[in-house]
Amino acid sequence: MKIFKLLIPALVVTTMLSSCLKNKFDQINPDNSPSVVEFANPSAPASETPAGSAFTVFPVAYQVDASVEASYEVQLSGPNPAAQDITVNIGVNPAAVTQLNTEKSIVSSYVPYVVLPSTLYTISTPTVTIPAGQRKAIVKVLYKTTDFSFTTKYALPIAITSTSFGNVSKNFGTILLNVTAKNQYDGLYSYKTSANTALLPNRSLSGVRLVTVGANSVSILPGLLANYTNEVIYTVNPATNLVTVSMTTLTPIATNPSSKYDPATKTFTLSWTSNGGDRLFEETFVYQGPRP
C-alpha cells in the first residue's frame, strides 16, 4: 500500500507535465500559425547583417547592361496555401537602409550603404498576385547596371507595402538587396599556382571568385592566393588584354609584362612579384561560369 501511495503523485505529476508540454508546443504548431506574406531569400544573407537587426542584407550581382531583369519571390507562409487570389503591392523602404547604417555605425570599419538611386532601377511589377491554391509570386526589377558606380555600396530596400490577405512579415517584409554590377571578367574560376609561387606553391582550387571592383578590374576572394585576406586586384587593359597586379600590402609590387588575359579562353595567366621582388607569384585562372 505504501508503494501504491507513492506512485499516485508521480503519475499525476507526469500527466501534468505532459499536458503542459503539449499545450506549449501547440502554440507554435504551424497548423495554428498566422498567414504571413514575405520575401524569400534571394541569396545567402550577408555576414555583416547585425544580429537582431530588423532587416537582412542579401548580396546580388548582375552583368553590366543597359537593362538587366532580375526576379525575386514573395511567398505566403502559414498553414495553408492561398484560399483566394492575394494581391501584393511592392515598393521601397529607404528608412530601412538608414536604420541598418545606424545599427552598424559603432563598427569603425563599416562602410554605410547608399540607397540605390531610382534612376538605376524600375520595379516592373509593382503589383503581383499569389494565385488561389498557391503560395508564390514573382517580383521583377529592371536594373540599369551600365550606370552603376563600381565603388558605391548600393542597397535597394525592396518592400511589401500591402497585401490583400494575411500580414506583412516584420522580418522579411522588407529586405535590403546589396546590388552590384559584374564586369566581363567577373566569375568563378579554376585556379592554379606554379611550383615557383611563394607561400602556397602548386595550389589547385575550383570555384575561386573574381569579383568586380572597377570597369576592368577584379579582386580575388578572400584575398591573396585565394587564402589570405590581403586584397589583390587584377586590372585588364581592354585594348591590349595585358594585366596589371596591384596591392596595398606587401609592396612594392611589380607585374611581369607577360601577364595577360585571353578573351577567347577566358583565362588569366599572371606573373608578378611582391616585397620588392622577394616573392614570386605565378597564377592561372580559367573561367568556369558566373558567380551567384
C-alpha atoms as a PDB file:
ATOM      1  CA  MET A   1       0.000   0.000   0.000  1.00  0.00           C
ATOM      2  CA  LYS A   2       2.851   2.391   0.764  1.00  0.00           C
ATOM      3  CA  ILE A   3       4.342   1.790  -2.642  1.00  0.00           C
ATOM      4  CA  PHE A   4       0.962   2.361  -4.287  1.00  0.00           C
ATOM      5  CA  LYS A   5       0.521   5.678  -2.490  1.00  0.00           C
ATOM      6  CA  LEU A   6       3.934   6.885  -3.687  1.00  0.00           C
ATOM      7  CA  LEU A   7       3.162   6.044  -7.303  1.00  0.00           C
ATOM      8  CA  ILE A   8      -0.069   8.028  -7.467  1.00  0.00           C
ATOM      9  CA  PRO A   9       1.560  11.501  -7.075  1.00  0.00           C
ATOM     10  CA  ALA A  10       4.263  10.581  -9.594  1.00  0.00           C
ATOM     11  CA  LEU A  11       1.657   9.649 -12.186  1.00  0.00           C
ATOM     12  CA  VAL A  12      -0.233  12.878 -11.546  1.00  0.00           C
ATOM     13  CA  VAL A  13       2.965  14.971 -11.990  1.00  0.00           C
ATOM     14  CA  THR A  14       3.892  13.119 -15.190  1.00  0.00           C
ATOM     15  CA  THR A  15       0.419  13.691 -16.616  1.00  0.00           C
ATOM     16  CA  MET A  16       0.547  17.391 -15.727  1.00  0.00           C
ATOM     17  CA  LEU A  17       3.986  17.836 -17.326  1.00  0.00           C
ATOM     18  CA  SER A  18       2.850  16.046 -20.459  1.00  0.00           C
ATOM     19  CA  SER A  19      -0.196  18.296 -20.657  1.00  0.00           C
ATOM     20  CA  CYS A  20       1.921  21.440 -20.186  1.00  0.00           C
ATOM     21  CA  LEU A  21       4.383  20.421 -22.874  1.00  0.00           C
ATOM     22  CA  LYS A  22       1.628  19.601 -25.330  1.00  0.00           C
ATOM     23  CA  ASN A  23      -0.056  22.956 -24.768  1.00  0.00           C
ATOM     24  CA  LYS A  24       3.264  24.780 -25.148  1.00  0.00           C
ATOM     25  CA  PHE A  25       4.107  23.221 -28.499  1.00  0.00           C
ATOM     26  CA  ASP A  26       0.532  23.518 -29.743  1.00  0.00           C
ATOM     27  CA  GLN A  27       1.031  27.317 -29.590  1.00  0.00           C
ATOM     28  CA  ILE A  28       3.833  27.200 -32.174  1.00  0.00           C
ATOM     29  CA  ASN A  29       2.400  24.416 -34.293  1.00  0.00           C
ATOM     30  CA  PRO A  30       2.448  25.538 -37.980  1.00  0.00           C
ATOM     31  CA  ASP A  31      -1.179  24.445 -38.246  1.00  0.00           C
ATOM     32  CA  ASN A  32      -2.081  27.283 -35.883  1.00  0.00           C
ATOM     33  CA  SER A  33       0.375  29.887 -37.201  1.00  0.00           C
ATOM     34  CA  PRO A  34      -0.922  33.064 -38.865  1.00  0.00           C
ATOM     35  CA  SER A  35      -0.640  33.644 -42.611  1.00  0.00           C
ATOM     36  CA  VAL A  36       2.294  35.940 -43.431  1.00  0.00           C
ATOM     37  CA  VAL A  37       3.461  37.362 -46.764  1.00  0.00           C
ATOM     38  CA  GLU A  38       7.226  37.807 -47.104  1.00  0.00           C
ATOM     39  CA  PHE A  39      10.197  37.798 -49.461  1.00  0.00           C
ATOM     40  CA  ALA A  40      12.001  34.506 -49.965  1.00  0.00           C
ATOM     41  CA  ASN A  41      15.781  34.701 -49.551  1.00  0.00           C
ATOM     42  CA  PRO A  42      17.229  35.736 -52.937  1.00  0.00           C
ATOM     43  CA  SER A  43      20.731  34.657 -51.874  1.00  0.00           C
ATOM     44  CA  ALA A  44      22.680  33.792 -48.759  1.00  0.00           C
ATOM     45  CA  PRO A  45      22.417  36.663 -46.244  1.00  0.00           C
ATOM     46  CA  ALA A  46      25.403  38.982 -45.917  1.00  0.00           C
ATOM     47  CA  SER A  47      27.587  38.251 -42.895  1.00  0.00           C
ATOM     48  CA  GLU A  48      27.591  41.891 -41.829  1.00  0.00           C
ATOM     49  CA  THR A  49      23.855  41.961 -41.077  1.00  0.00           C
ATOM     50  CA  PRO A  50      23.753  42.674 -37.326  1.00  0.00           C
ATOM     51  CA  ALA A  51      22.386  40.016 -35.010  1.00  0.00           C
ATOM     52  CA  GLY A  52      18.885  41.031 -34.035  1.00  0.00           C
ATOM     53  CA  SER A  53      18.603  43.540 -36.881  1.00  0.00           C
ATOM     54  CA  ALA A  54      15.116  44.241 -38.166  1.00  0.00           C
ATOM     55  CA  PHE A  55      16.387  43.926 -41.741  1.00  0.00           C
ATOM     56  CA  THR A  56      18.584  41.448 -43.596  1.00  0.00           C
ATOM     57  CA  VAL A  57      21.055  42.237 -46.385  1.00  0.00           C
ATOM     58  CA  PHE A  58      21.247  39.926 -49.399  1.00  0.00           C
ATOM     59  CA  PRO A  59      24.093  40.350 -51.941  1.00  0.00           C
ATOM     60  CA  VAL A  60      23.028  40.103 -55.594  1.00  0.00           C
ATOM     61  CA  ALA A  61      25.186  40.783 -58.665  1.00  0.00           C
ATOM     62  CA  TYR A  62      24.287  41.224 -62.342  1.00  0.00           C
ATOM     63  CA  GLN A  63      26.114  41.697 -65.636  1.00  0.00           C
ATOM     64  CA  VAL A  64      26.750  45.215 -66.884  1.00  0.00           C
ATOM     65  CA  ASP A  65      23.955  46.086 -69.301  1.00  0.00           C
ATOM     66  CA  ALA A  66      21.519  48.862 -70.150  1.00  0.00           C
ATOM     67  CA  SER A  67      18.634  46.714 -68.915  1.00  0.00           C
ATOM     68  CA  VAL A  68      19.024  43.643 -66.713  1.00  0.00           C
ATOM     69  CA  GLU A  69      15.903  41.877 -65.428  1.00  0.00           C
ATOM     70  CA  ALA A  70      16.035  40.260 -62.001  1.00  0.00           C
ATOM     71  CA  SER A  71      13.338  38.173 -60.326  1.00  0.00           C
ATOM     72  CA  TYR A  72      12.535  37.932 -56.628  1.00  0.00           C
ATOM     73  CA  GLU A  73       9.987  35.710 -54.946  1.00  0.00           C
ATOM     74  CA  VAL A  74       7.272  36.684 -52.494  1.00  0.00           C
ATOM     75  CA  GLN A  75       5.644  33.860 -50.624  1.00  0.00           C
ATOM     76  CA  LEU A  76       2.764  33.086 -48.305  1.00  0.00           C
ATOM     77  CA  SER A  77       3.791  31.264 -45.160  1.00  0.00           C
ATOM     78  CA  GLY A  78       1.272  29.667 -42.841  1.00  0.00           C
ATOM     79  CA  PRO A  79      -0.796  26.510 -42.538  1.00  0.00           C
ATOM     80  CA  ASN A  80      -2.491  26.630 -45.936  1.00  0.00           C
ATOM     81  CA  PRO A  81      -1.987  27.895 -49.495  1.00  0.00           C
ATOM     82  CA  ALA A  82      -3.952  30.965 -50.568  1.00  0.00           C
ATOM     83  CA  ALA A  83      -7.691  30.389 -50.339  1.00  0.00           C
ATOM     84  CA  GLN A  84      -8.192  33.199 -52.847  1.00  0.00           C
ATOM     85  CA  ASP A  85      -6.064  35.385 -55.096  1.00  0.00           C
ATOM     86  CA  ILE A  86      -3.800  37.543 -52.931  1.00  0.00           C
ATOM     87  CA  THR A  87      -2.777  40.972 -54.219  1.00  0.00           C
ATOM     88  CA  VAL A  88       0.672  42.071 -53.033  1.00  0.00           C
ATOM     89  CA  ASN A  89       1.925  45.624 -53.588  1.00  0.00           C
ATOM     90  CA  ILE A  90       5.652  46.266 -53.871  1.00  0.00           C
ATOM     91  CA  GLY A  91       7.614  49.444 -53.181  1.00  0.00           C
ATOM     92  CA  VAL A  92      10.734  50.623 -51.384  1.00  0.00           C
ATOM     93  CA  ASN A  93      11.535  51.471 -47.768  1.00  0.00           C
ATOM     94  CA  PRO A  94      14.585  53.800 -47.666  1.00  0.00           C
ATOM     95  CA  ALA A  95      14.287  54.146 -43.874  1.00  0.00           C
ATOM     96  CA  ALA A  96      15.461  50.532 -43.602  1.00  0.00           C
ATOM     97  CA  VAL A  97      18.859  51.483 -45.066  1.00  0.00           C
ATOM     98  CA  THR A  98      19.161  54.363 -42.602  1.00  0.00           C
ATOM     99  CA  GLN A  99      18.335  52.046 -39.710  1.00  0.00           C
ATOM    100  CA  LEU A 100      20.878  49.436 -40.768  1.00  0.00           C
ATOM    101  CA  ASN A 101      23.600  52.078 -41.150  1.00  0.00           C
ATOM    102  CA  THR A 102      22.787  53.373 -37.679  1.00  0.00           C
ATOM    103  CA  GLU A 103      22.984  49.871 -36.194  1.00  0.00           C
ATOM    104  CA  LYS A 104      26.379  49.268 -37.806  1.00  0.00           C
ATOM    105  CA  SER A 105      27.869  52.729 -37.207  1.00  0.00           C
ATOM    106  CA  ILE A 106      29.503  51.523 -33.979  1.00  0.00           C
ATOM    107  CA  VAL A 107      31.850  49.356 -36.091  1.00  0.00           C
ATOM    108  CA  SER A 108      34.714  51.584 -37.245  1.00  0.00           C
ATOM    109  CA  SER A 109      35.395  49.568 -40.416  1.00  0.00           C
ATOM    110  CA  TYR A 110      31.770  49.592 -41.565  1.00  0.00           C
ATOM    111  CA  VAL A 111      31.087  51.267 -44.911  1.00  0.00           C
ATOM    112  CA  PRO A 112      27.493  52.607 -44.982  1.00  0.00           C
ATOM    113  CA  TYR A 113      25.072  51.553 -47.672  1.00  0.00           C
ATOM    114  CA  VAL A 114      23.696  54.088 -50.156  1.00  0.00           C
ATOM    115  CA  VAL A 115      20.086  53.742 -51.274  1.00  0.00           C
ATOM    116  CA  LEU A 116      20.123  52.687 -54.933  1.00  0.00           C
ATOM    117  CA  PRO A 117      19.040  55.775 -56.916  1.00  0.00           C
ATOM    118  CA  SER A 118      15.664  55.459 -58.624  1.00  0.00           C
ATOM    119  CA  THR A 119      17.326  56.284 -61.965  1.00  0.00           C
ATOM    120  CA  LEU A 120      19.166  52.958 -61.822  1.00  0.00           C
ATOM    121  CA  TYR A 121      16.191  50.606 -61.462  1.00  0.00           C
ATOM    122  CA  THR A 122      12.488  50.114 -62.150  1.00  0.00           C
ATOM    123  CA  ILE A 123      10.170  47.771 -60.295  1.00  0.00           C
ATOM    124  CA  SER A 124       8.390  46.471 -63.385  1.00  0.00           C
ATOM    125  CA  THR A 125       5.790  44.513 -61.371  1.00  0.00           C
ATOM    126  CA  PRO A 126       4.720  46.878 -58.563  1.00  0.00           C
ATOM    127  CA  THR A 127       1.675  44.658 -58.003  1.00  0.00           C
ATOM    128  CA  VAL A 128       1.795  40.851 -58.105  1.00  0.00           C
ATOM    129  CA  THR A 129      -0.757  38.143 -57.395  1.00  0.00           C
ATOM    130  CA  ILE A 130      -0.357  34.933 -55.451  1.00  0.00           C
ATOM    131  CA  PRO A 131      -2.993  32.753 -57.161  1.00  0.00           C
ATOM    132  CA  ALA A 132      -5.602  30.862 -55.152  1.00  0.00           C
ATOM    133  CA  GLY A 133      -4.279  27.465 -54.149  1.00  0.00           C
ATOM    134  CA  GLN A 134      -0.656  28.589 -54.424  1.00  0.00           C
ATOM    135  CA  ARG A 135       1.952  30.267 -52.228  1.00  0.00           C
ATOM    136  CA  LYS A 136       4.276  32.243 -54.517  1.00  0.00           C
ATOM    137  CA  ALA A 137       4.505  35.140 -56.938  1.00  0.00           C
ATOM    138  CA  ILE A 138       7.430  36.723 -58.801  1.00  0.00           C
ATOM    139  CA  VAL A 139       8.502  40.348 -58.471  1.00  0.00           C
ATOM    140  CA  LYS A 140      10.590  41.695 -61.366  1.00  0.00           C
ATOM    141  CA  VAL A 141      13.066  44.557 -61.231  1.00  0.00           C
ATOM    142  CA  LEU A 142      14.936  46.084 -64.177  1.00  0.00           C
ATOM    143  CA  TYR A 143      18.426  47.402 -63.395  1.00  0.00           C
ATOM    144  CA  LYS A 144      20.469  49.842 -65.465  1.00  0.00           C
ATOM    145  CA  THR A 145      23.808  48.401 -64.379  1.00  0.00           C
ATOM    146  CA  THR A 146      25.742  50.271 -67.086  1.00  0.00           C
ATOM    147  CA  ASP A 147      25.366  53.378 -64.913  1.00  0.00           C
ATOM    148  CA  PHE A 148      26.297  51.732 -61.603  1.00  0.00           C
ATOM    149  CA  SER A 149      29.279  53.061 -59.709  1.00  0.00           C
ATOM    150  CA  PHE A 150      31.740  50.244 -59.031  1.00  0.00           C
ATOM    151  CA  THR A 151      32.863  51.915 -55.806  1.00  0.00           C
ATOM    152  CA  THR A 152      29.462  52.696 -54.246  1.00  0.00           C
ATOM    153  CA  LYS A 153      27.896  50.276 -51.789  1.00  0.00           C
ATOM    154  CA  TYR A 154      24.291  50.181 -53.008  1.00  0.00           C
ATOM    155  CA  ALA A 155      21.238  48.803 -51.233  1.00  0.00           C
ATOM    156  CA  LEU A 156      17.769  48.511 -52.727  1.00  0.00           C
ATOM    157  CA  PRO A 157      15.311  48.329 -49.788  1.00  0.00           C
ATOM    158  CA  ILE A 158      12.568  46.464 -51.626  1.00  0.00           C
ATOM    159  CA  ALA A 159       9.405  46.169 -49.549  1.00  0.00           C
ATOM    160  CA  ILE A 160       5.946  44.645 -49.442  1.00  0.00           C
ATOM    161  CA  THR A 161       3.816  47.742 -48.849  1.00  0.00           C
ATOM    162  CA  SER A 162       0.477  45.946 -48.512  1.00  0.00           C
ATOM    163  CA  THR A 163      -1.279  42.629 -49.018  1.00  0.00           C
ATOM    164  CA  SER A 164      -4.952  41.796 -49.504  1.00  0.00           C
ATOM    165  CA  PHE A 165      -4.677  38.768 -47.197  1.00  0.00           C
ATOM    166  CA  GLY A 166      -2.633  37.888 -44.126  1.00  0.00           C
ATOM    167  CA  ASN A 167       0.039  40.057 -42.545  1.00  0.00           C
ATOM    168  CA  VAL A 168       3.225  41.529 -43.960  1.00  0.00           C
ATOM    169  CA  SER A 169       6.228  39.846 -42.334  1.00  0.00           C
ATOM    170  CA  LYS A 170       8.060  42.006 -39.789  1.00  0.00           C
ATOM    171  CA  ASN A 171      11.403  40.358 -40.557  1.00  0.00           C
ATOM    172  CA  PHE A 172      11.176  39.786 -44.307  1.00  0.00           C
ATOM    173  CA  GLY A 173       8.512  42.244 -45.450  1.00  0.00           C
ATOM    174  CA  THR A 174      11.463  44.488 -46.326  1.00  0.00           C
ATOM    175  CA  ILE A 175      14.819  43.140 -47.452  1.00  0.00           C
ATOM    176  CA  LEU A 176      17.952  45.034 -48.445  1.00  0.00           C
ATOM    177  CA  LEU A 177      19.405  43.969 -51.782  1.00  0.00           C
ATOM    178  CA  ASN A 178      23.119  44.807 -51.963  1.00  0.00           C
ATOM    179  CA  VAL A 179      23.114  45.183 -55.752  1.00  0.00           C
ATOM    180  CA  THR A 180      26.426  45.204 -57.625  1.00  0.00           C
ATOM    181  CA  ALA A 181      27.385  45.168 -61.291  1.00  0.00           C
ATOM    182  CA  LYS A 182      29.652  42.495 -62.759  1.00  0.00           C
ATOM    183  CA  ASN A 183      32.149  43.292 -65.493  1.00  0.00           C
ATOM    184  CA  GLN A 184      33.132  40.771 -68.178  1.00  0.00           C
ATOM    185  CA  TYR A 185      35.977  39.322 -66.074  1.00  0.00           C
ATOM    186  CA  ASP A 186      33.826  38.644 -63.009  1.00  0.00           C
ATOM    187  CA  GLY A 187      33.037  34.993 -62.232  1.00  0.00           C
ATOM    188  CA  LEU A 188      34.096  31.633 -60.853  1.00  0.00           C
ATOM    189  CA  TYR A 189      37.466  30.264 -61.957  1.00  0.00           C
ATOM    190  CA  SER A 190      39.614  27.190 -61.612  1.00  0.00           C
ATOM    191  CA  TYR A 191      42.836  28.415 -60.031  1.00  0.00           C
ATOM    192  CA  LYS A 192      46.406  27.150 -60.016  1.00  0.00           C
ATOM    193  CA  THR A 193      49.759  28.406 -58.789  1.00  0.00           C
ATOM    194  CA  SER A 194      53.137  27.252 -60.065  1.00  0.00           C
ATOM    195  CA  ALA A 195      55.813  25.322 -58.171  1.00  0.00           C
ATOM    196  CA  ASN A 196      57.770  28.594 -58.002  1.00  0.00           C
ATOM    197  CA  THR A 197      54.986  30.559 -56.311  1.00  0.00           C
ATOM    198  CA  ALA A 198      55.766  31.913 -52.871  1.00  0.00           C
ATOM    199  CA  LEU A 199      53.763  30.877 -49.778  1.00  0.00           C
ATOM    200  CA  LEU A 200      51.397  28.362 -51.460  1.00  0.00           C
ATOM    201  CA  PRO A 201      53.070  26.654 -54.458  1.00  0.00           C
ATOM    202  CA  ASN A 202      51.197  24.082 -56.574  1.00  0.00           C
ATOM    203  CA  ARG A 203      47.859  25.277 -55.298  1.00  0.00           C
ATOM    204  CA  SER A 204      44.841  23.981 -57.232  1.00  0.00           C
ATOM    205  CA  LEU A 205      41.278  25.072 -56.493  1.00  0.00           C
ATOM    206  CA  SER A 206      37.895  25.187 -58.172  1.00  0.00           C
ATOM    207  CA  GLY A 207      35.260  27.898 -57.832  1.00  0.00           C
ATOM    208  CA  VAL A 208      37.606  30.739 -56.907  1.00  0.00           C
ATOM    209  CA  ARG A 209      35.781  34.069 -57.106  1.00  0.00           C
ATOM    210  CA  LEU A 210      36.971  37.098 -59.052  1.00  0.00           C
ATOM    211  CA  VAL A 211      34.715  39.992 -58.071  1.00  0.00           C
ATOM    212  CA  THR A 212      34.235  43.287 -59.879  1.00  0.00           C
ATOM    213  CA  VAL A 213      35.897  46.309 -58.266  1.00  0.00           C
ATOM    214  CA  GLY A 214      36.091  48.534 -61.358  1.00  0.00           C
ATOM    215  CA  ALA A 215      35.113  48.711 -65.010  1.00  0.00           C
ATOM    216  CA  ASN A 216      38.041  46.457 -65.958  1.00  0.00           C
ATOM    217  CA  SER A 217      39.263  45.305 -62.541  1.00  0.00           C
ATOM    218  CA  VAL A 218      38.535  42.263 -60.383  1.00  0.00           C
ATOM    219  CA  SER A 219      39.637  41.226 -56.915  1.00  0.00           C
ATOM    220  CA  ILE A 220      40.294  37.650 -55.788  1.00  0.00           C
ATOM    221  CA  LEU A 221      38.323  36.496 -52.757  1.00  0.00           C
ATOM    222  CA  PRO A 222      39.039  36.123 -49.939  1.00  0.00           C
ATOM    223  CA  GLY A 223      42.411  37.623 -50.953  1.00  0.00           C
ATOM    224  CA  LEU A 224      45.986  36.724 -51.846  1.00  0.00           C
ATOM    225  CA  LEU A 225      46.272  33.200 -53.290  1.00  0.00           C
ATOM    226  CA  ALA A 226      42.569  32.657 -52.510  1.00  0.00           C
ATOM    227  CA  ASN A 227      43.645  32.073 -48.941  1.00  0.00           C
ATOM    228  CA  TYR A 228      44.855  35.234 -47.203  1.00  0.00           C
ATOM    229  CA  THR A 229      42.960  38.477 -46.558  1.00  0.00           C
ATOM    230  CA  ASN A 230      45.439  40.731 -48.397  1.00  0.00           C
ATOM    231  CA  GLU A 231      43.467  42.328 -51.230  1.00  0.00           C
ATOM    232  CA  VAL A 232      44.872  41.664 -54.718  1.00  0.00           C
ATOM    233  CA  ILE A 233      43.429  43.474 -57.744  1.00  0.00           C
ATOM    234  CA  TYR A 234      43.894  42.472 -61.372  1.00  0.00           C
ATOM    235  CA  THR A 235      43.267  45.221 -63.951  1.00  0.00           C
ATOM    236  CA  VAL A 236      42.901  44.379 -67.632  1.00  0.00           C
ATOM    237  CA  ASN A 237      43.762  46.834 -70.377  1.00  0.00           C
ATOM    238  CA  PRO A 238      40.873  46.119 -72.800  1.00  0.00           C
ATOM    239  CA  ALA A 239      42.909  47.416 -75.745  1.00  0.00           C
ATOM    240  CA  THR A 240      45.844  45.006 -75.239  1.00  0.00           C
ATOM    241  CA  ASN A 241      44.435  42.441 -72.735  1.00  0.00           C
ATOM    242  CA  LEU A 242      47.599  42.908 -70.668  1.00  0.00           C
ATOM    243  CA  VAL A 243      47.053  42.687 -66.902  1.00  0.00           C
ATOM    244  CA  THR A 244      48.466  44.764 -64.063  1.00  0.00           C
ATOM    245  CA  VAL A 245      48.503  43.431 -60.496  1.00  0.00           C
ATOM    246  CA  SER A 246      48.151  45.792 -57.535  1.00  0.00           C
ATOM    247  CA  MET A 247      48.088  45.509 -53.742  1.00  0.00           C
ATOM    248  CA  THR A 248      48.167  47.901 -50.807  1.00  0.00           C
ATOM    249  CA  THR A 249      50.202  45.438 -48.716  1.00  0.00           C
ATOM    250  CA  LEU A 250      53.431  43.513 -49.367  1.00  0.00           C
ATOM    251  CA  THR A 251      54.597  46.408 -51.515  1.00  0.00           C
ATOM    252  CA  PRO A 252      56.280  47.255 -53.792  1.00  0.00           C
ATOM    253  CA  ILE A 253      54.511  45.166 -56.447  1.00  0.00           C
ATOM    254  CA  ALA A 254      55.870  44.543 -59.942  1.00  0.00           C
ATOM    255  CA  THR A 255      53.899  42.855 -62.740  1.00  0.00           C
ATOM    256  CA  ASN A 256      55.699  40.850 -65.398  1.00  0.00           C
ATOM    257  CA  PRO A 257      54.841  42.305 -68.846  1.00  0.00           C
ATOM    258  CA  SER A 258      53.791  38.806 -69.954  1.00  0.00           C
ATOM    259  CA  SER A 259      50.763  38.846 -67.633  1.00  0.00           C
ATOM    260  CA  LYS A 260      47.650  38.764 -69.784  1.00  0.00           C
ATOM    261  CA  TYR A 261      44.012  37.862 -70.196  1.00  0.00           C
ATOM    262  CA  ASP A 262      42.924  35.689 -73.135  1.00  0.00           C
ATOM    263  CA  PRO A 263      39.313  36.613 -74.061  1.00  0.00           C
ATOM    264  CA  ALA A 264      38.956  33.561 -76.335  1.00  0.00           C
ATOM    265  CA  THR A 265      39.506  31.096 -73.478  1.00  0.00           C
ATOM    266  CA  LYS A 266      38.678  33.498 -70.635  1.00  0.00           C
ATOM    267  CA  THR A 267      41.998  32.720 -68.994  1.00  0.00           C
ATOM    268  CA  PHE A 268      44.287  34.872 -66.848  1.00  0.00           C
ATOM    269  CA  THR A 269      47.999  33.981 -66.976  1.00  0.00           C
ATOM    270  CA  LEU A 270      49.852  36.061 -64.415  1.00  0.00           C
ATOM    271  CA  SER A 271      53.372  36.523 -63.131  1.00  0.00           C
ATOM    272  CA  TRP A 272      54.256  39.158 -60.564  1.00  0.00           C
ATOM    273  CA  THR A 273      56.381  39.868 -57.503  1.00  0.00           C
ATOM    274  CA  SER A 274      55.834  41.488 -54.118  1.00  0.00           C
ATOM    275  CA  ASN A 275      58.117  42.795 -51.376  1.00  0.00           C
ATOM    276  CA  GLY A 276      60.379  44.457 -53.906  1.00  0.00           C
ATOM    277  CA  GLY A 277      60.928  41.253 -55.851  1.00  0.00           C
ATOM    278  CA  ASP A 278      61.480  38.941 -52.868  1.00  0.00           C
ATOM    279  CA  ARG A 279      58.324  36.894 -53.511  1.00  0.00           C
ATOM    280  CA  LEU A 280      57.249  35.483 -56.868  1.00  0.00           C
ATOM    281  CA  PHE A 281      53.627  34.673 -57.727  1.00  0.00           C
ATOM    282  CA  GLU A 282      52.608  32.744 -60.836  1.00  0.00           C
ATOM    283  CA  GLU A 283      48.869  32.252 -61.158  1.00  0.00           C
ATOM    284  CA  THR A 284      46.462  30.855 -63.743  1.00  0.00           C
ATOM    285  CA  PHE A 285      42.704  31.478 -63.709  1.00  0.00           C
ATOM    286  CA  VAL A 286      40.397  29.602 -66.130  1.00  0.00           C
ATOM    287  CA  TYR A 287      36.767  30.755 -66.288  1.00  0.00           C
ATOM    288  CA  GLN A 288      34.176  28.215 -65.118  1.00  0.00           C
ATOM    289  CA  GLY A 289      30.977  30.249 -65.014  1.00  0.00           C
ATOM    290  CA  PRO A 290      29.179  33.192 -63.449  1.00  0.00           C
ATOM    291  CA  ARG A 291      29.272  33.584 -59.719  1.00  0.00           C
ATOM    292  CA  PRO A 292      25.984  33.733 -57.789  1.00  0.00           C
END
